[in-house]
Amino acid sequence: MRQITTILFVSVLGVLLLAGCQESDASDIRRARVIGNENLQLKQDLEEKDQQIDKLTAQIEMLEAKNAEVIEQSGETSIKTLRMLLESEKRAEAIVIENRKLEKELEKLKTR
């Protein structure tokens, strides 16, 4: 009788353990699926972010090229402005010299 009780107890315990393991396996499978889905979503998000980074990098390169052009044009404009200023100063100096000559001639004419 004791053997039958022991066998019966071990059998019931074995069935309960197996049933418990199956639930655990099902729960592990669900958890693994959830984690797998999260991983897929994260990979997609990462790919989207990589694409955004590539687009932004291209925009940065384009803006840097435009900036270099503007700087170059600005330098050329500054040089042109300085040349015009120098030319204006030369003309002003020539006008001042001519004005002095005319003043001297006017003084001569007044003294006569």
PDB file of N, CA and C in Angstrom:
ATOM      1  N   MET A   1       0.807  -1.168   0.000  1.00  0.00           N
ATOM      2  CA  MET A   1       0.000   0.000   0.000  1.00  0.00           C
ATOM      3  C   MET A   1       0.869   1.258   0.000  1.00  0.00           C
ATOM      4  N   ARG A   2       1.895   1.177   0.723  1.00  0.00           N
ATOM      5  CA  ARG A   2       2.785   2.314   0.795  1.00  0.00           C
ATOM      6  C   ARG A   2       3.428   2.548  -0.561  1.00  0.00           C
ATOM      7  N   GLN A   3       3.766   1.513  -1.273  1.00  0.00           N
ATOM      8  CA  GLN A   3       4.371   1.643  -2.589  1.00  0.00           C
ATOM      9  C   GLN A   3       3.380   2.267  -3.571  1.00  0.00           C
ATOM     10  N   ILE A   4       2.142   1.865  -3.492  1.00  0.00           N
ATOM     11  CA  ILE A   4       1.126   2.398  -4.398  1.00  0.00           C
ATOM     12  C   ILE A   4       0.924   3.881  -4.109  1.00  0.00           C
ATOM     13  N   THR A   5       0.898   4.255  -2.861  1.00  0.00           N
ATOM     14  CA  THR A   5       0.735   5.660  -2.493  1.00  0.00           C
ATOM     15  C   THR A   5       1.931   6.469  -2.983  1.00  0.00           C
ATOM     16  N   THR A   6       3.111   5.925  -2.831  1.00  0.00           N
ATOM     17  CA  THR A   6       4.321   6.613  -3.278  1.00  0.00           C
ATOM     18  C   THR A   6       4.314   6.765  -4.789  1.00  0.00           C
ATOM     19  N   ILE A   7       3.955   5.690  -5.490  1.00  0.00           N
ATOM     20  CA  ILE A   7       3.912   5.737  -6.953  1.00  0.00           C
ATOM     21  C   ILE A   7       2.854   6.741  -7.407  1.00  0.00           C
ATOM     22  N   LEU A   8       1.715   6.696  -6.771  1.00  0.00           N
ATOM     23  CA  LEU A   8       0.635   7.616  -7.111  1.00  0.00           C
ATOM     24  C   LEU A   8       1.056   9.063  -6.840  1.00  0.00           C
ATOM     25  N   PHE A   9       1.710   9.290  -5.722  1.00  0.00           N
ATOM     26  CA  PHE A   9       2.170  10.628  -5.365  1.00  0.00           C
ATOM     27  C   PHE A   9       3.210  11.135  -6.369  1.00  0.00           C
ATOM     28  N   VAL A  10       4.154  10.278  -6.708  1.00  0.00           N
ATOM     29  CA  VAL A  10       5.200  10.643  -7.671  1.00  0.00           C
ATOM     30  C   VAL A  10       4.579  10.907  -9.036  1.00  0.00           C
ATOM     31  N   SER A  11       3.600  10.104  -9.424  1.00  0.00           N
ATOM     32  CA  SER A  11       2.928  10.290 -10.713  1.00  0.00           C
ATOM     33  C   SER A  11       2.195  11.625 -10.761  1.00  0.00           C
ATOM     34  N   VAL A  12       1.440  11.903  -9.700  1.00  0.00           N
ATOM     35  CA  VAL A  12       0.705  13.181  -9.642  1.00  0.00           C
ATOM     36  C   VAL A  12       1.685  14.346  -9.654  1.00  0.00           C
ATOM     37  N   LEU A  13       2.743  14.217  -8.898  1.00  0.00           N
ATOM     38  CA  LEU A  13       3.754  15.267  -8.853  1.00  0.00           C
ATOM     39  C   LEU A  13       4.398  15.454 -10.222  1.00  0.00           C
ATOM     40  N   GLY A  14       4.683  14.368 -10.915  1.00  0.00           N
ATOM     41  CA  GLY A  14       5.264  14.436 -12.260  1.00  0.00           C
ATOM     42  C   GLY A  14       4.334  15.127 -13.240  1.00  0.00           C
ATOM     43  N   VAL A  15       3.037  14.766 -13.174  1.00  0.00           N
ATOM     44  CA  VAL A  15       2.053  15.392 -14.069  1.00  0.00           C
ATOM     45  C   VAL A  15       1.965  16.886 -13.793  1.00  0.00           C
ATOM     46  N   LEU A  16       1.947  17.254 -12.514  1.00  0.00           N
ATOM     47  CA  LEU A  16       1.874  18.675 -12.161  1.00  0.00           C
ATOM     48  C   LEU A  16       3.114  19.433 -12.631  1.00  0.00           C
ATOM     49  N   LEU A  17       4.269  18.801 -12.465  1.00  0.00           N
ATOM     50  CA  LEU A  17       5.500  19.453 -12.914  1.00  0.00           C
ATOM     51  C   LEU A  17       5.514  19.627 -14.426  1.00  0.00           C
ATOM     52  N   LEU A  18       5.082  18.596 -15.140  1.00  0.00           N
ATOM     53  CA  LEU A  18       5.027  18.700 -16.602  1.00  0.00           C
ATOM     54  C   LEU A  18       4.034  19.768 -17.043  1.00  0.00           C
ATOM     55  N   ALA A  19       2.904  19.815 -16.402  1.00  0.00           N
ATOM     56  CA  ALA A  19       1.899  20.828 -16.738  1.00  0.00           C
ATOM     57  C   ALA A  19       2.447  22.215 -16.446  1.00  0.00           C
ATOM     58  N   GLY A  20       3.137  22.354 -15.339  1.00  0.00           N
ATOM     59  CA  GLY A  20       3.739  23.643 -14.989  1.00  0.00           C
ATOM     60  C   GLY A  20       4.801  24.045 -15.991  1.00  0.00           C
ATOM     61  N   CYS A  21       5.581  23.123 -16.467  1.00  0.00           N
ATOM     62  CA  CYS A  21       6.621  23.407 -17.450  1.00  0.00           C
ATOM     63  C   CYS A  21       6.009  23.820 -18.776  1.00  0.00           C
ATOM     64  N   GLN A  22       4.904  23.198 -19.143  1.00  0.00           N
ATOM     65  CA  GLN A  22       4.267  23.550 -20.404  1.00  0.00           C
ATOM     66  C   GLN A  22       3.744  24.978 -20.358  1.00  0.00           C
ATOM     67  N   GLU A  23       3.170  25.373 -19.253  1.00  0.00           N
ATOM     68  CA  GLU A  23       2.714  26.747 -19.127  1.00  0.00           C
ATOM     69  C   GLU A  23       3.897  27.696 -19.177  1.00  0.00           C
ATOM     70  N   SER A  24       4.962  27.314 -18.534  1.00  0.00           N
ATOM     71  CA  SER A  24       6.158  28.134 -18.537  1.00  0.00           C
ATOM     72  C   SER A  24       6.715  28.238 -19.949  1.00  0.00           C
ATOM     73  N   ASP A  25       6.710  27.124 -20.674  1.00  0.00           N
ATOM     74  CA  ASP A  25       7.184  27.148 -22.052  1.00  0.00           C
ATOM     75  C   ASP A  25       6.309  28.054 -22.904  1.00  0.00           C
ATOM     76  N   ALA A  26       4.997  27.964 -22.737  1.00  0.00           N
ATOM     77  CA  ALA A  26       4.085  28.818 -23.501  1.00  0.00           C
ATOM     78  C   ALA A  26       4.329  30.282 -23.155  1.00  0.00           C
ATOM     79  N   SER A  27       4.533  30.559 -21.901  1.00  0.00           N
ATOM     80  CA  SER A  27       4.812  31.928 -21.474  1.00  0.00           C
ATOM     81  C   SER A  27       6.153  32.396 -22.030  1.00  0.00           C
ATOM     82  N   ASP A  28       7.147  31.509 -22.030  1.00  0.00           N
ATOM     83  CA  ASP A  28       8.450  31.848 -22.607  1.00  0.00           C
ATOM     84  C   ASP A  28       8.334  32.108 -24.101  1.00  0.00           C
ATOM     85  N   ILE A  29       7.507  31.298 -24.774  1.00  0.00           N
ATOM     86  CA  ILE A  29       7.313  31.484 -26.213  1.00  0.00           C
ATOM     87  C   ILE A  29       6.662  32.838 -26.478  1.00  0.00           C
ATOM     88  N   ARG A  30       5.632  33.172 -25.693  1.00  0.00           N
ATOM     89  CA  ARG A  30       4.977  34.479 -25.848  1.00  0.00           C
ATOM     90  C   ARG A  30       5.967  35.613 -25.601  1.00  0.00           C
ATOM     91  N   ARG A  31       6.736  35.458 -24.561  1.00  0.00           N
ATOM     92  CA  ARG A  31       7.732  36.476 -24.225  1.00  0.00           C
ATOM     93  C   ARG A  31       8.765  36.608 -25.346  1.00  0.00           C
ATOM     94  N   ALA A  32       9.197  35.468 -25.887  1.00  0.00           N
ATOM     95  CA  ALA A  32      10.172  35.488 -26.979  1.00  0.00           C
ATOM     96  C   ALA A  32       9.584  36.170 -28.212  1.00  0.00           C
ATOM     97  N   ARG A  33       8.299  35.911 -28.492  1.00  0.00           N
ATOM     98  CA  ARG A  33       7.649  36.561 -29.637  1.00  0.00           C
ATOM     99  C   ARG A  33       7.571  38.072 -29.431  1.00  0.00           C
ATOM    100  N   VAL A  34       7.208  38.468 -28.229  1.00  0.00           N
ATOM    101  CA  VAL A  34       7.128  39.902 -27.931  1.00  0.00           C
ATOM    102  C   VAL A  34       8.496  40.552 -28.100  1.00  0.00           C
ATOM    103  N   ILE A  35       9.508  39.905 -27.567  1.00  0.00           N
ATOM    104  CA  ILE A  35      10.869  40.439 -27.686  1.00  0.00           C
ATOM    105  C   ILE A  35      11.298  40.472 -29.146  1.00  0.00           C
ATOM    106  N   GLY A  36      10.965  39.410 -29.894  1.00  0.00           N
ATOM    107  CA  GLY A  36      11.288  39.376 -31.323  1.00  0.00           C
ATOM    108  C   GLY A  36      10.608  40.507 -32.072  1.00  0.00           C
ATOM    109  N   ASN A  37       9.331  40.747 -31.774  1.00  0.00           N
ATOM    110  CA  ASN A  37       8.609  41.849 -32.413  1.00  0.00           C
ATOM    111  C   ASN A  37       9.223  43.202 -32.055  1.00  0.00           C
ATOM    112  N   GLU A  38       9.594  43.350 -30.793  1.00  0.00           N
ATOM    113  CA  GLU A  38      10.247  44.590 -30.369  1.00  0.00           C
ATOM    114  C   GLU A  38      11.570  44.780 -31.102  1.00  0.00           C
ATOM    115  N   ASN A  39      12.326  43.696 -31.251  1.00  0.00           N
ATOM    116  CA  ASN A  39      13.596  43.776 -31.972  1.00  0.00           C
ATOM    117  C   ASN A  39      13.380  44.190 -33.421  1.00  0.00           C
ATOM    118  N   LEU A  40      12.370  43.609 -34.067  1.00  0.00           N
ATOM    119  CA  LEU A  40      12.069  43.990 -35.452  1.00  0.00           C
ATOM    120  C   LEU A  40      11.702  45.466 -35.542  1.00  0.00           C
ATOM    121  N   GLN A  41      10.879  45.927 -34.610  1.00  0.00           N
ATOM    122  CA  GLN A  41      10.481  47.338 -34.603  1.00  0.00           C
ATOM    123  C   GLN A  41      11.693  48.239 -34.381  1.00  0.00           C
ATOM    124  N   LEU A  42      12.562  47.831 -33.462  1.00  0.00           N
ATOM    125  CA  LEU A  42      13.767  48.618 -33.199  1.00  0.00           C
ATOM    126  C   LEU A  42      14.684  48.655 -34.417  1.00  0.00           C
ATOM    127  N   LYS A  43      14.785  47.530 -35.137  1.00  0.00           N
ATOM    128  CA  LYS A  43      15.599  47.503 -36.355  1.00  0.00           C
ATOM    129  C   LYS A  43      15.021  48.440 -37.403  1.00  0.00           C
ATOM    130  N   GLN A  44      13.694  48.444 -37.546  1.00  0.00           N
ATOM    131  CA  GLN A  44      13.055  49.347 -38.501  1.00  0.00           C
ATOM    132  C   GLN A  44      13.282  50.802 -38.096  1.00  0.00           C
ATOM    133  N   ASP A  45      13.132  51.083 -36.817  1.00  0.00           N
ATOM    134  CA  ASP A  45      13.376  52.439 -36.323  1.00  0.00           C
ATOM    135  C   ASP A  45      14.813  52.856 -36.588  1.00  0.00           C
ATOM    136  N   LEU A  46      15.736  51.935 -36.363  1.00  0.00           N
ATOM    137  CA  LEU A  46      17.146  52.218 -36.588  1.00  0.00           C
ATOM    138  C   LEU A  46      17.418  52.500 -38.061  1.00  0.00           C
ATOM    139  N   GLU A  47      16.807  51.725 -38.955  1.00  0.00           N
ATOM    140  CA  GLU A  47      16.974  51.961 -40.388  1.00  0.00           C
ATOM    141  C   GLU A  47      16.424  53.330 -40.777  1.00  0.00           C
ATOM    142  N   GLU A  48      15.262  53.692 -40.224  1.00  0.00           N
ATOM    143  CA  GLU A  48      14.686  55.007 -40.512  1.00  0.00           C
ATOM    144  C   GLU A  48      15.606  56.123 -40.022  1.00  0.00           C
ATOM    145  N   LYS A  49      16.150  55.945 -38.836  1.00  0.00           N
ATOM    146  CA  LYS A  49      17.060  56.958 -38.292  1.00  0.00           C
ATOM    147  C   LYS A  49      18.323  57.048 -39.139  1.00  0.00           C
ATOM    148  N   ASP A  50      18.828  55.909 -39.611  1.00  0.00           N
ATOM    149  CA  ASP A  50      20.000  55.916 -40.484  1.00  0.00           C
ATOM    150  C   ASP A  50      19.699  56.678 -41.769  1.00  0.00           C
ATOM    151  N   GLN A  51      18.501  56.479 -42.327  1.00  0.00           N
ATOM    152  CA  GLN A  51      18.106  57.202 -43.535  1.00  0.00           C
ATOM    153  C   GLN A  51      18.014  58.700 -43.257  1.00  0.00           C
ATOM    154  N   GLN A  52      17.457  59.054 -42.111  1.00  0.00           N
ATOM    155  CA  GLN A  52      17.380  60.468 -41.747  1.00  0.00           C
ATOM    156  C   GLN A  52      18.778  61.064 -41.596  1.00  0.00           C
ATOM    157  N   ILE A  53      19.672  60.310 -40.992  1.00  0.00           N
ATOM    158  CA  ILE A  53      21.052  60.778 -40.824  1.00  0.00           C
ATOM    159  C   ILE A  53      21.695  60.994 -42.187  1.00  0.00           C
ATOM    160  N   ASP A  54      21.484  60.055 -43.117  1.00  0.00           N
ATOM    161  CA  ASP A  54      22.042  60.196 -44.459  1.00  0.00           C
ATOM    162  C   ASP A  54      21.499  61.444 -45.151  1.00  0.00           C
ATOM    163  N   LYS A  55      20.185  61.675 -45.034  1.00  0.00           N
ATOM    164  CA  LYS A  55      19.585  62.865 -45.647  1.00  0.00           C
ATOM    165  C   LYS A  55      20.156  64.140 -45.036  1.00  0.00           C
ATOM    166  N   LEU A  56      20.249  64.158 -43.711  1.00  0.00           N
ATOM    167  CA  LEU A  56      20.767  65.345 -43.038  1.00  0.00           C
ATOM    168  C   LEU A  56      22.239  65.577 -43.365  1.00  0.00           C
ATOM    169  N   THR A  57      22.999  64.497 -43.496  1.00  0.00           N
ATOM    170  CA  THR A  57      24.404  64.629 -43.877  1.00  0.00           C
ATOM    171  C   THR A  57      24.521  65.231 -45.267  1.00  0.00           C
ATOM    172  N   ALA A  58      23.667  64.781 -46.190  1.00  0.00           N
ATOM    173  CA  ALA A  58      23.666  65.336 -47.544  1.00  0.00           C
ATOM    174  C   ALA A  58      23.290  66.816 -47.510  1.00  0.00           C
ATOM    175  N   GLN A  59      22.315  67.179 -46.693  1.00  0.00           N
ATOM    176  CA  GLN A  59      21.922  68.585 -46.576  1.00  0.00           C
ATOM    177  C   GLN A  59      23.060  69.425 -46.006  1.00  0.00           C
ATOM    178  N   ILE A  60      23.750  68.886 -45.021  1.00  0.00           N
ATOM    179  CA  ILE A  60      24.879  69.610 -44.429  1.00  0.00           C
ATOM    180  C   ILE A  60      25.957  69.847 -45.476  1.00  0.00           C
ATOM    181  N   GLU A  61      26.268  68.823 -46.260  1.00  0.00           N
ATOM    182  CA  GLU A  61      27.289  68.969 -47.299  1.00  0.00           C
ATOM    183  C   GLU A  61      26.873  70.021 -48.321  1.00  0.00           C
ATOM    184  N   MET A  62      25.584  70.011 -48.707  1.00  0.00           N
ATOM    185  CA  MET A  62      25.089  70.984 -49.669  1.00  0.00           C
ATOM    186  C   MET A  62      25.187  72.404 -49.093  1.00  0.00           C
ATOM    187  N   LEU A  63      24.799  72.570 -47.831  1.00  0.00           N
ATOM    188  CA  LEU A  63      24.861  73.884 -47.203  1.00  0.00           C
ATOM    189  C   LEU A  63      26.300  74.364 -47.030  1.00  0.00           C
ATOM    190  N   GLU A  64      27.202  73.445 -46.732  1.00  0.00           N
ATOM    191  CA  GLU A  64      28.612  73.828 -46.617  1.00  0.00           C
ATOM    192  C   GLU A  64      29.156  74.287 -47.960  1.00  0.00           C
ATOM    193  N   ALA A  65      28.747  73.616 -49.045  1.00  0.00           N
ATOM    194  CA  ALA A  65      29.177  74.026 -50.382  1.00  0.00           C
ATOM    195  C   ALA A  65      28.630  75.417 -50.710  1.00  0.00           C
ATOM    196  N   LYS A  66      27.351  75.648 -50.400  1.00  0.00           N
ATOM    197  CA  LYS A  66      26.761  76.972 -50.635  1.00  0.00           C
ATOM    198  C   LYS A  66      27.470  78.031 -49.803  1.00  0.00           C
ATOM    199  N   ASN A  67      27.779  77.691 -48.570  1.00  0.00           N
ATOM    200  CA  ASN A  67      28.477  78.625 -47.689  1.00  0.00           C
ATOM    201  C   ASN A  67      29.846  78.986 -48.266  1.00  0.00           C
ATOM    202  N   ALA A  68      30.548  77.997 -48.792  1.00  0.00           N
ATOM    203  CA  ALA A  68      31.856  78.253 -49.398  1.00  0.00           C
ATOM    204  C   ALA A  68      31.703  79.186 -50.598  1.00  0.00           C
ATOM    205  N   GLU A  69      30.650  78.979 -51.405  1.00  0.00           N
ATOM    206  CA  GLU A  69      30.403  79.857 -52.552  1.00  0.00           C
ATOM    207  C   GLU A  69      30.128  81.284 -52.093  1.00  0.00           C
ATOM    208  N   VAL A  70      29.309  81.416 -51.065  1.00  0.00           N
ATOM    209  CA  VAL A  70      28.972  82.751 -50.554  1.00  0.00           C
ATOM    210  C   VAL A  70      30.221  83.444 -50.025  1.00  0.00           C
ATOM    211  N   ILE A  71      31.051  82.705 -49.322  1.00  0.00           N
ATOM    212  CA  ILE A  71      32.290  83.286 -48.796  1.00  0.00           C
ATOM    213  C   ILE A  71      33.180  83.741 -49.945  1.00  0.00           C
ATOM    214  N   GLU A  72      33.271  82.913 -50.980  1.00  0.00           N
ATOM    215  CA  GLU A  72      34.093  83.272 -52.139  1.00  0.00           C
ATOM    216  C   GLU A  72      33.534  84.516 -52.823  1.00  0.00           C
ATOM    217  N   GLN A  73      32.214  84.544 -53.031  1.00  0.00           N
ATOM    218  CA  GLN A  73      31.590  85.705 -53.662  1.00  0.00           C
ATOM    219  C   GLN A  73      31.753  86.950 -52.795  1.00  0.00           C
ATOM    220  N   SER A  74      31.656  86.767 -51.495  1.00  0.00           N
ATOM    221  CA  SER A  74      31.818  87.887 -50.574  1.00  0.00           C
ATOM    222  C   SER A  74      33.229  88.454 -50.675  1.00  0.00           C
ATOM    223  N   GLY A  75      34.203  87.570 -50.779  1.00  0.00           N
ATOM    224  CA  GLY A  75      35.586  88.016 -50.928  1.00  0.00           C
ATOM    225  C   GLY A  75      35.777  88.779 -52.222  1.00  0.00           C
ATOM    226  N   GLU A  76      35.190  88.273 -53.310  1.00  0.00           N
ATOM    227  CA  GLU A  76      35.287  88.960 -54.596  1.00  0.00           C
ATOM    228  C   GLU A  76      34.599  90.319 -54.527  1.00  0.00           C
ATOM    229  N   THR A  77      33.456  90.376 -53.875  1.00  0.00           N
ATOM    230  CA  THR A  77      32.727  91.639 -53.738  1.00  0.00           C
ATOM    231  C   THR A  77      33.541  92.638 -52.921  1.00  0.00           C
ATOM    232  N   SER A  78      34.184  92.158 -51.882  1.00  0.00           N
ATOM    233  CA  SER A  78      35.019  93.042 -51.060  1.00  0.00           C
ATOM    234  C   SER A  78      36.174  93.598 -51.874  1.00  0.00           C
ATOM    235  N   ILE A  79      36.773  92.764 -52.690  1.00  0.00           N
ATOM    236  CA  ILE A  79      37.883  93.219 -53.533  1.00  0.00           C
ATOM    237  C   ILE A  79      37.387  94.263 -54.522  1.00  0.00           C
ATOM    238  N   LYS A  80      36.238  94.017 -55.151  1.00  0.00           N
ATOM    239  CA  LYS A  80      35.678  94.985 -56.099  1.00  0.00           C
ATOM    240  C   LYS A  80      35.371  96.306 -55.400  1.00  0.00           C
ATOM    241  N   THR A  81      34.817  96.219 -54.199  1.00  0.00           N
ATOM    242  CA  THR A  81      34.488  97.426 -53.445  1.00  0.00           C
ATOM    243  C   THR A  81      35.748  98.213 -53.110  1.00  0.00           C
ATOM    244  N   LEU A  82      36.788  97.518 -52.693  1.00  0.00           N
ATOM    245  CA  LEU A  82      38.048  98.196 -52.381  1.00  0.00           C
ATOM    246  C   LEU A  82      38.647  98.849 -53.620  1.00  0.00           C
ATOM    247  N   ARG A  83      38.563  98.182 -54.763  1.00  0.00           N
ATOM    248  CA  ARG A  83      39.072  98.771 -56.010  1.00  0.00           C
ATOM    249  C   ARG A  83      38.294 100.035 -56.369  1.00  0.00           C
ATOM    250  N   MET A  84      36.968  99.967 -56.224  1.00  0.00           N
ATOM    251  CA  MET A  84      36.143 101.137 -56.526  1.00  0.00           C
ATOM    252  C   MET A  84      36.464 102.286 -55.573  1.00  0.00           C
ATOM    253  N   LEU A  85      36.690 101.961 -54.303  1.00  0.00           N
ATOM    254  CA  LEU A  85      37.040 102.976 -53.318  1.00  0.00           C
ATOM    255  C   LEU A  85      38.378 103.618 -53.663  1.00  0.00           C
ATOM    256  N   LEU A  86      39.344 102.808 -54.048  1.00  0.00           N
ATOM    257  CA  LEU A  86      40.655 103.327 -54.433  1.00  0.00           C
ATOM    258  C   LEU A  86      40.537 104.232 -55.652  1.00  0.00           C
ATOM    259  N   GLU A  87      39.756 103.805 -56.623  1.00  0.00           N
ATOM    260  CA  GLU A  87      39.551 104.607 -57.828  1.00  0.00           C
ATOM    261  C   GLU A  87      38.863 105.933 -57.477  1.00  0.00           C
ATOM    262  N   SER A  88      37.887 105.887 -56.581  1.00  0.00           N
ATOM    263  CA  SER A  88      37.192 107.112 -56.153  1.00  0.00           C
ATOM    264  C   SER A  88      38.157 108.059 -55.450  1.00  0.00           C
ATOM    265  N   GLU A  89      39.029 107.514 -54.627  1.00  0.00           N
ATOM    266  CA  GLU A  89      40.009 108.354 -53.936  1.00  0.00           C
ATOM    267  C   GLU A  89      40.952 109.016 -54.932  1.00  0.00           C
ATOM    268  N   LYS A  90      41.364 108.264 -55.951  1.00  0.00           N
ATOM    269  CA  LYS A  90      42.247 108.837 -56.976  1.00  0.00           C
ATOM    270  C   LYS A  90      41.536 109.965 -57.717  1.00  0.00           C
ATOM    271  N   ARG A  91      40.274 109.747 -58.067  1.00  0.00           N
ATOM    272  CA  ARG A  91      39.504 110.791 -58.757  1.00  0.00           C
ATOM    273  C   ARG A  91      39.328 112.015 -57.860  1.00  0.00           C
ATOM    274  N   ALA A  92      39.041 111.775 -56.592  1.00  0.00           N
ATOM    275  CA  ALA A  92      38.871 112.889 -55.656  1.00  0.00           C
ATOM    276  C   ALA A  92      40.168 113.676 -55.531  1.00  0.00           C
ATOM    277  N   GLU A  93      41.287 112.976 -55.476  1.00  0.00           N
ATOM    278  CA  GLU A  93      42.585 113.644 -55.376  1.00  0.00           C
ATOM    279  C   GLU A  93      42.849 114.471 -56.629  1.00  0.00           C
ATOM    280  N   ALA A  94      42.528 113.918 -57.793  1.00  0.00           N
ATOM    281  CA  ALA A  94      42.716 114.655 -59.044  1.00  0.00           C
ATOM    282  C   ALA A  94      41.822 115.894 -59.071  1.00  0.00           C
ATOM    283  N   ILE A  95      40.604 115.765 -58.568  1.00  0.00           N
ATOM    284  CA  ILE A  95      39.681 116.910 -58.539  1.00  0.00           C
ATOM    285  C   ILE A  95      40.195 117.985 -57.583  1.00  0.00           C
ATOM    286  N   VAL A  96      40.730 117.570 -56.435  1.00  0.00           N
ATOM    287  CA  VAL A  96      41.285 118.532 -55.476  1.00  0.00           C
ATOM    288  C   VAL A  96      42.450 119.279 -56.108  1.00  0.00           C
ATOM    289  N   ILE A  97      43.317 118.561 -56.794  1.00  0.00           N
ATOM    290  CA  ILE A  97      44.473 119.196 -57.455  1.00  0.00           C
ATOM    291  C   ILE A  97      43.989 120.183 -58.515  1.00  0.00           C
ATOM    292  N   GLU A  98      43.026 119.758 -59.319  1.00  0.00           N
ATOM    293  CA  GLU A  98      42.489 120.642 -60.360  1.00  0.00           C
ATOM    294  C   GLU A  98      41.807 121.852 -59.727  1.00  0.00           C
ATOM    295  N   ASN A  99      41.112 121.655 -58.625  1.00  0.00           N
ATOM    296  CA  ASN A  99      40.449 122.754 -57.920  1.00  0.00           C
ATOM    297  C   ASN A  99      41.470 123.776 -57.427  1.00  0.00           C
ATOM    298  N   ARG A 100      42.589 123.305 -56.898  1.00  0.00           N
ATOM    299  CA  ARG A 100      43.645 124.215 -56.423  1.00  0.00           C
ATOM    300  C   ARG A 100      44.210 125.032 -57.582  1.00  0.00           C
ATOM    301  N   LYS A 101      44.418 124.365 -58.704  1.00  0.00           N
ATOM    302  CA  LYS A 101      44.927 125.080 -59.880  1.00  0.00           C
ATOM    303  C   LYS A 101      43.945 126.166 -60.307  1.00  0.00           C
ATOM    304  N   LEU A 102      42.673 125.808 -60.328  1.00  0.00           N
ATOM    305  CA  LEU A 102      41.658 126.779 -60.737  1.00  0.00           C
ATOM    306  C   LEU A 102      41.557 127.932 -59.739  1.00  0.00           C
ATOM    307  N   GLU A 103      41.736 127.645 -58.453  1.00  0.00           N
ATOM    308  CA  GLU A 103      41.723 128.709 -57.450  1.00  0.00           C
ATOM    309  C   GLU A 103      42.895 129.660 -57.663  1.00  0.00           C
ATOM    310  N   LYS A 104      44.059 129.101 -57.969  1.00  0.00           N
ATOM    311  CA  LYS A 104      45.233 129.941 -58.225  1.00  0.00           C
ATOM    312  C   LYS A 104      45.003 130.816 -59.451  1.00  0.00           C
ATOM    313  N   GLU A 105      44.429 130.232 -60.490  1.00  0.00           N
ATOM    314  CA  GLU A 105      44.148 131.011 -61.699  1.00  0.00           C
ATOM    315  C   GLU A 105      43.135 132.112 -61.396  1.00  0.00           C
ATOM    316  N   LEU A 106      42.143 131.787 -60.590  1.00  0.00           N
ATOM    317  CA  LEU A 106      41.133 132.768 -60.219  1.00  0.00           C
ATOM    318  C   LEU A 106      41.761 133.914 -59.435  1.00  0.00           C
ATOM    319  N   GLU A 107      42.675 133.592 -58.530  1.00  0.00           N
ATOM    320  CA  GLU A 107      43.377 134.621 -57.757  1.00  0.00           C
ATOM    321  C   GLU A 107      44.192 135.514 -58.684  1.00  0.00           C
ATOM    322  N   LYS A 108      44.828 134.897 -59.660  1.00  0.00           N
ATOM    323  CA  LYS A 108      45.620 135.672 -60.617  1.00  0.00           C
ATOM    324  C   LYS A 108      44.717 136.629 -61.389  1.00  0.00           C
ATOM    325  N   LEU A 109      43.571 136.117 -61.786  1.00  0.00           N
ATOM    326  CA  LEU A 109      42.652 136.948 -62.558  1.00  0.00           C
ATOM    327  C   LEU A 109      42.077 138.073 -61.694  1.00  0.00           C
ATOM    328  N   LYS A 110      41.880 137.828 -60.434  1.00  0.00           N
ATOM    329  CA  LYS A 110      41.358 138.858 -59.542  1.00  0.00           C
ATOM    330  C   LYS A 110      42.390 139.947 -59.296  1.00  0.00           C
ATOM    331  N   THR A 111      43.639 139.581 -59.243  1.00  0.00           N
ATOM    332  CA  THR A 111      44.694 140.550 -58.970  1.00  0.00           C
ATOM    333  C   THR A 111      44.993 141.407 -60.182  1.00  0.00           C
ATOM    334  N   ARG A 112      44.584 141.120 -61.296  1.00  0.00           N
ATOM    335  CA  ARG A 112      44.860 141.898 -62.491  1.00  0.00           C
ATOM    336  C   ARG A 112      44.000 143.060 -62.586  1.00  0.00           C
TER     337      ARG A 112
END
